[in-house]
Amino acid sequence: MKRISVILATFNEEKNLEDCLESVRQLADEIIIVDGTSTDKTVSIARKYTDKIFVRKNPLMFHLNKQLAIEKATGEWILYLDADERVTTELRSEILQSTKAQKPKTKDHSGYWIPRKNIIFGKWIKNSFWYPDYQLRLFKRGMAHLPCKSVHEQPELTGSAGFLKNPLIHYNYQTISQFIRKLDTLYTENDARVYLAQKKKVSWLDAIRFPTKEFLATFFSREAYKDGLHGLVLSILQSFSSFVTFAKIWEQQDFPEVQPDDFVARVEKESQRISKEFKYWFLTAKINQTTNLGKKLFLRVSRKVKK
């Protein structure tokens, strides 16, 4: 029996695919690729590494193609990747070690979470949800599947999961345009659809609340500020993505008109509330960054007074 099947779902990945497949050449006993009818050289590159290539349409819910690749695999273990990811020598060794037959009295995991190192705009982003960004990517065949309900989902695993130490390298967004294209055509479309499917209520004030909440969570709560300008730009882009999600929900509801008599006053009130939140989080960040006990105490008192 083949030990490790590496699977990918691809679409127009000629710039990324060869480096990805080269990184698993000494790891994979078989490579399965489901291609979404690429119009570039993706398939011809894939043929240099495998003859197990299945071509079908590229659905908006691209996890459908990933799930098909999982089903086509014949290895004892499955490692699924995206074309912009790379397996390092250290991770390869750890995967090989972790998928060996378990010793007696050793817990036999059905899968493993792998940390992921995101390289965004030329920099390893070390904070916020960008790291360690654990992904359930390695699992025994027949023990995991993708629900295919959201592009953000992880595989559903039967049994226990362990954690690997060495990260996947993920060459994530390389340009602002790439971020905005994915934001528009993939993530916000998915998020709006999922939101509506869950029949959640949406208020017109969410046009302000959605992006504000996302910025505060990313920049402050998850400490993206520790990545400097990269962290700030990414936090603003995430905030914009959240705003576009709201706008697309509004669009799906046929742009209902909202203009109460106190419209400006209510926007002002919401802005004042948000201003207080920002003051709280700025003080919290300063508290976390200072090592001076006296200053830390002063900032804590100030935060309590301004809350």
Protein backbone atom coordinates (compact mmCIF):
# COMPACT_ATOMS: atom_id res chain seq x y z
CA MET A 1 0.00 0.00 0.00
CA LYS A 2 1.14 3.54 -0.74
CA ARG A 3 2.03 5.37 2.43
CA ILE A 4 1.49 9.07 1.69
CA SER A 5 -0.76 10.65 -0.93
CA VAL A 6 -0.27 14.37 -1.56
CA ILE A 7 -3.40 15.99 -2.99
CA LEU A 8 -4.08 19.41 -4.50
CA ALA A 9 -6.96 21.24 -6.17
CA THR A 10 -5.58 23.72 -8.70
CA PHE A 11 -6.69 26.50 -11.00
CA ASN A 12 -4.24 28.61 -13.02
CA GLU A 13 -1.31 27.93 -10.70
CA GLU A 14 1.57 27.85 -13.19
CA LYS A 15 3.57 30.34 -11.09
CA ASN A 16 3.32 28.26 -7.91
CA LEU A 17 2.76 24.62 -8.75
CA GLU A 18 6.25 23.41 -9.67
CA ASP A 19 7.87 24.69 -6.48
CA CYS A 20 5.07 23.11 -4.45
CA LEU A 21 5.37 19.71 -6.12
CA GLU A 22 9.15 19.81 -5.99
CA SER A 23 8.93 20.29 -2.22
CA VAL A 24 7.01 16.99 -1.82
CA ARG A 25 8.78 14.98 -4.53
CA GLN A 26 10.73 12.96 -1.93
CA LEU A 27 7.73 12.64 0.39
CA ALA A 28 4.79 11.58 -1.77
CA ASP A 29 4.16 7.99 -2.86
CA GLU A 30 1.47 9.41 -5.13
CA ILE A 31 0.29 12.88 -6.12
CA ILE A 32 -3.37 13.52 -6.93
CA ILE A 33 -4.37 16.76 -8.66
CA VAL A 34 -7.91 17.90 -9.40
CA ASP A 35 -7.66 20.84 -11.77
CA GLY A 36 -10.48 23.32 -12.27
CA THR A 37 -10.01 23.60 -16.05
CA SER A 38 -6.93 25.83 -15.93
CA THR A 39 -6.20 28.01 -18.95
CA ASP A 40 -2.46 28.32 -18.28
CA LYS A 41 0.34 25.72 -18.01
CA THR A 42 -0.84 24.23 -14.71
CA VAL A 43 -1.75 20.81 -16.12
CA SER A 44 1.42 20.47 -18.21
CA ILE A 45 3.52 21.24 -15.12
CA ALA A 46 1.52 18.73 -13.08
CA ARG A 47 2.18 16.00 -15.67
CA LYS A 48 5.90 16.17 -14.86
CA TYR A 49 5.09 14.85 -11.39
CA THR A 50 1.98 12.68 -11.77
CA ASP A 51 -0.38 11.08 -14.23
CA LYS A 52 -3.23 11.19 -11.71
CA ILE A 53 -4.79 14.44 -12.91
CA PHE A 54 -8.54 14.93 -12.97
CA VAL A 55 -10.01 17.93 -14.77
CA ARG A 56 -13.42 19.35 -13.92
CA LYS A 57 -15.03 22.77 -13.66
CA ASN A 58 -13.75 25.24 -11.07
CA PRO A 59 -16.61 25.77 -8.58
CA LEU A 60 -16.95 28.80 -6.32
CA MET A 61 -16.89 26.32 -3.43
CA PHE A 62 -13.45 25.05 -4.45
CA HIS A 63 -13.40 22.60 -1.53
CA LEU A 64 -15.56 20.38 -3.73
CA ASN A 65 -12.48 19.76 -5.87
CA LYS A 66 -10.31 19.24 -2.80
CA GLN A 67 -12.77 16.69 -1.48
CA LEU A 68 -12.72 14.86 -4.81
CA ALA A 69 -8.91 14.74 -4.62
CA ILE A 70 -9.20 13.26 -1.10
CA GLU A 71 -11.54 10.59 -2.43
CA LYS A 72 -9.16 9.71 -5.28
CA ALA A 73 -6.19 9.15 -2.95
CA THR A 74 -5.09 5.58 -2.24
CA GLY A 75 -2.34 6.18 0.33
CA GLU A 76 -2.57 5.25 3.98
CA TRP A 77 -2.08 8.93 4.84
CA ILE A 78 -3.22 12.04 2.97
CA LEU A 79 -1.43 15.38 2.97
CA TYR A 80 -3.41 18.09 1.24
CA LEU A 81 -1.79 21.29 0.08
CA ASP A 82 -2.47 24.48 -1.82
CA ALA A 83 -0.16 25.32 -4.72
CA ASP A 84 1.30 28.32 -2.90
CA GLU A 85 2.49 26.16 0.01
CA ARG A 86 5.86 24.44 0.46
CA VAL A 87 6.95 21.51 2.62
CA THR A 88 10.37 22.13 4.16
CA THR A 89 12.99 19.43 4.68
CA GLU A 90 12.30 19.57 8.44
CA LEU A 91 8.56 19.20 7.98
CA ARG A 92 9.05 16.33 5.54
CA SER A 93 11.11 14.43 8.12
CA GLU A 94 8.54 15.09 10.82
CA ILE A 95 5.68 13.89 8.60
CA LEU A 96 7.55 10.69 7.76
CA GLN A 97 8.27 10.08 11.44
CA SER A 98 4.71 10.86 12.55
CA THR A 99 3.09 8.55 10.00
CA LYS A 100 5.15 5.51 10.93
CA ALA A 101 3.32 2.63 12.58
CA GLN A 102 2.67 3.62 16.17
CA LYS A 103 4.55 1.87 18.96
CA PRO A 104 2.56 -0.10 21.57
CA LYS A 105 1.01 2.13 24.26
CA THR A 106 1.50 5.19 22.05
CA LYS A 107 -1.60 7.19 21.16
CA ASP A 108 -2.56 6.53 17.56
CA HIS A 109 -3.69 9.83 16.05
CA SER A 110 -5.97 9.99 13.03
CA GLY A 111 -4.56 13.31 11.89
CA TYR A 112 -2.16 16.15 12.60
CA TRP A 113 -2.43 19.93 12.77
CA ILE A 114 0.44 21.65 10.99
CA PRO A 115 1.47 25.24 11.78
CA ARG A 116 1.66 27.53 8.77
CA LYS A 117 4.12 30.36 8.22
CA ASN A 118 2.37 33.02 6.12
CA ILE A 119 4.60 35.17 3.92
CA ILE A 120 2.52 38.25 3.03
CA PHE A 121 3.77 41.21 1.02
CA GLY A 122 7.28 39.82 1.32
CA LYS A 123 7.30 39.39 5.11
CA TRP A 124 6.67 36.53 7.53
CA ILE A 125 3.67 37.76 9.53
CA LYS A 126 4.26 36.50 13.05
CA ASN A 127 1.14 37.78 14.84
CA SER A 128 -2.64 37.91 14.66
CA PHE A 129 -4.31 34.83 13.15
CA TRP A 130 -1.52 34.60 10.57
CA TYR A 131 0.72 32.55 12.86
CA PRO A 132 0.86 29.77 13.93
CA ASP A 133 -2.30 29.40 11.79
CA TYR A 134 -2.70 25.67 12.46
CA GLN A 135 -4.18 23.67 9.58
CA LEU A 136 -5.48 20.10 9.72
CA ARG A 137 -3.71 18.90 6.58
CA LEU A 138 -2.40 15.43 7.39
CA PHE A 139 -4.80 12.60 8.15
CA LYS A 140 -5.42 8.90 7.60
CA ARG A 141 -7.37 8.01 4.51
CA GLY A 142 -11.05 7.57 5.30
CA MET A 143 -10.80 9.48 8.58
CA ALA A 144 -11.47 13.03 7.38
CA HIS A 145 -13.58 14.93 4.86
CA LEU A 146 -14.36 18.50 3.91
CA PRO A 147 -17.97 19.57 4.60
CA CYS A 148 -17.80 21.94 1.59
CA LYS A 149 -19.92 24.61 3.27
CA SER A 150 -17.38 27.40 3.75
CA VAL A 151 -14.02 28.29 2.20
CA HIS A 152 -12.68 28.83 5.75
CA GLU A 153 -13.51 25.34 7.01
CA GLN A 154 -11.11 22.68 8.24
CA PRO A 155 -11.56 18.96 7.49
CA GLU A 156 -13.83 17.11 9.88
CA LEU A 157 -11.76 14.38 11.53
CA THR A 158 -12.82 11.08 13.09
CA GLY A 159 -10.50 10.34 15.99
CA SER A 160 -7.80 12.32 17.75
CA ALA A 161 -5.34 14.80 16.26
CA GLY A 162 -1.77 15.62 17.21
CA PHE A 163 0.30 18.72 16.49
CA LEU A 164 3.43 18.92 14.37
CA LYS A 165 6.16 21.46 15.20
CA ASN A 166 7.61 22.38 11.81
CA PRO A 167 5.51 24.76 9.68
CA LEU A 168 4.29 24.73 6.13
CA ILE A 169 5.59 27.75 4.24
CA HIS A 170 2.67 29.62 2.72
CA TYR A 171 3.46 32.24 0.08
CA ASN A 172 0.20 34.01 0.69
CA TYR A 173 -0.71 37.41 -0.76
CA GLN A 174 2.11 38.87 -2.83
CA THR A 175 0.35 42.03 -4.02
CA ILE A 176 -2.47 44.29 -2.85
CA SER A 177 -4.36 43.56 -6.08
CA GLN A 178 -4.21 39.84 -5.34
CA PHE A 179 -5.67 40.43 -1.87
CA ILE A 180 -8.50 42.57 -3.27
CA ARG A 181 -9.31 40.09 -6.07
CA LYS A 182 -9.63 37.21 -3.59
CA LEU A 183 -11.54 39.42 -1.19
CA ASP A 184 -14.09 40.25 -3.90
CA THR A 185 -14.43 37.00 -5.82
CA LEU A 186 -13.98 34.45 -3.05
CA TYR A 187 -14.01 35.37 0.62
CA THR A 188 -16.71 38.05 0.82
CA GLU A 189 -18.96 36.06 -1.54
CA ASN A 190 -18.59 33.05 0.76
CA ASP A 191 -19.01 35.00 3.99
CA ALA A 192 -22.14 36.80 2.80
CA ARG A 193 -23.66 33.51 1.60
CA VAL A 194 -22.91 31.74 4.89
CA TYR A 195 -24.25 34.69 6.91
CA LEU A 196 -27.54 34.69 5.00
CA ALA A 197 -27.84 30.90 5.16
CA GLN A 198 -27.62 31.09 8.96
CA LYS A 199 -30.51 33.59 8.92
CA LYS A 200 -28.64 36.01 11.15
CA LYS A 201 -30.15 39.43 11.62
CA VAL A 202 -28.25 42.38 10.19
CA SER A 203 -28.65 46.02 11.23
CA TRP A 204 -27.81 49.00 9.04
CA LEU A 205 -25.38 50.02 11.79
CA ASP A 206 -23.41 46.89 10.95
CA ALA A 207 -22.04 48.90 8.03
CA ILE A 208 -19.94 50.55 10.75
CA ARG A 209 -19.77 47.71 13.27
CA PHE A 210 -18.55 44.92 10.97
CA PRO A 211 -15.34 46.65 9.82
CA THR A 212 -14.68 48.23 13.22
CA LYS A 213 -14.97 44.91 15.04
CA GLU A 214 -12.66 43.24 12.52
CA PHE A 215 -10.02 45.96 12.79
CA LEU A 216 -10.05 45.95 16.61
CA ALA A 217 -9.84 42.15 16.71
CA THR A 218 -7.02 41.93 14.17
CA PHE A 219 -4.88 44.93 15.07
CA PHE A 220 -5.30 44.98 18.85
CA SER A 221 -6.77 41.77 20.28
CA ARG A 222 -4.66 39.51 18.03
CA GLU A 223 -1.73 41.95 18.22
CA ALA A 224 -1.13 42.59 14.52
CA TYR A 225 0.44 45.90 15.60
CA LYS A 226 3.54 43.89 16.51
CA ASP A 227 4.14 43.42 12.77
CA GLY A 228 4.38 47.18 12.22
CA LEU A 229 3.14 48.66 8.95
CA HIS A 230 2.48 45.19 7.52
CA GLY A 231 0.20 44.50 10.49
CA LEU A 232 -1.58 47.83 10.14
CA VAL A 233 -2.18 47.46 6.40
CA LEU A 234 -3.41 43.89 6.82
CA SER A 235 -5.75 44.95 9.64
CA ILE A 236 -7.24 47.68 7.45
CA LEU A 237 -7.61 45.27 4.52
CA GLN A 238 -9.32 42.74 6.80
CA SER A 239 -11.60 45.52 8.01
CA PHE A 240 -12.44 46.45 4.42
CA SER A 241 -13.20 42.81 3.65
CA SER A 242 -15.66 42.76 6.54
CA PHE A 243 -17.31 45.94 5.24
CA VAL A 244 -17.65 44.43 1.73
CA THR A 245 -19.27 41.36 3.31
CA PHE A 246 -21.87 43.63 4.90
CA ALA A 247 -22.42 45.47 1.60
CA LYS A 248 -22.94 42.17 -0.25
CA ILE A 249 -25.47 41.03 2.36
CA TRP A 250 -27.26 44.35 1.80
CA GLU A 251 -27.09 43.75 -1.94
CA GLN A 252 -28.57 40.26 -1.58
CA GLN A 253 -31.46 41.86 0.31
CA ASP A 254 -32.10 44.17 -2.69
CA PHE A 255 -30.52 47.27 -1.13
CA PRO A 256 -33.29 48.12 1.40
CA GLU A 257 -33.45 51.86 2.03
CA VAL A 258 -32.75 53.08 5.56
CA GLN A 259 -32.95 56.77 6.41
CA PRO A 260 -34.57 57.49 9.79
CA ASP A 261 -35.06 61.08 10.92
CA ASP A 262 -32.25 60.70 13.46
CA PHE A 263 -29.87 59.02 10.96
CA VAL A 264 -26.93 61.39 11.52
CA ALA A 265 -27.43 61.38 15.29
CA ARG A 266 -27.36 57.58 15.40
CA VAL A 267 -24.21 57.45 13.28
CA GLU A 268 -22.65 60.00 15.63
CA LYS A 269 -23.63 57.95 18.68
CA GLU A 270 -22.14 54.80 17.17
CA SER A 271 -18.95 56.69 16.32
CA GLN A 272 -18.65 57.92 19.91
CA ARG A 273 -19.04 54.36 21.20
CA ILE A 274 -16.36 53.17 18.79
CA SER A 275 -14.06 56.00 19.87
CA LYS A 276 -14.23 54.69 23.45
CA GLU A 277 -13.38 51.19 22.24
CA PHE A 278 -10.36 52.49 20.38
CA LYS A 279 -9.12 54.36 23.48
CA TYR A 280 -9.50 51.19 25.54
CA TRP A 281 -7.53 49.09 23.06
CA PHE A 282 -4.78 51.69 22.57
CA LEU A 283 -4.26 51.76 26.34
CA THR A 284 -4.30 47.94 26.47
CA ALA A 285 -1.61 47.76 23.77
CA LYS A 286 0.53 50.28 25.67
CA ILE A 287 0.10 48.26 28.88
CA ASN A 288 1.22 45.10 27.09
CA GLN A 289 4.26 46.81 25.59
CA THR A 290 5.64 48.62 28.64
CA THR A 291 7.93 46.95 31.16
CA ASN A 292 7.85 49.90 33.58
CA LEU A 293 5.66 48.82 36.49
CA GLY A 294 4.78 52.38 37.47
CA LYS A 295 3.75 53.30 33.94
CA LYS A 296 1.84 50.04 33.60
CA LEU A 297 -0.15 50.83 36.76
CA PHE A 298 -0.86 54.39 35.54
CA LEU A 299 -2.12 53.10 32.19
CA ARG A 300 -4.35 50.53 33.87
CA VAL A 301 -5.93 53.23 36.03
CA SER A 302 -6.39 55.45 32.94
CA ARG A 303 -8.02 52.57 31.05
CA LYS A 304 -10.45 51.96 33.93
CA VAL A 305 -11.40 55.65 34.10
CA LYS A 306 -11.95 55.92 30.33
CA LYS A 307 -13.87 52.67 29.99
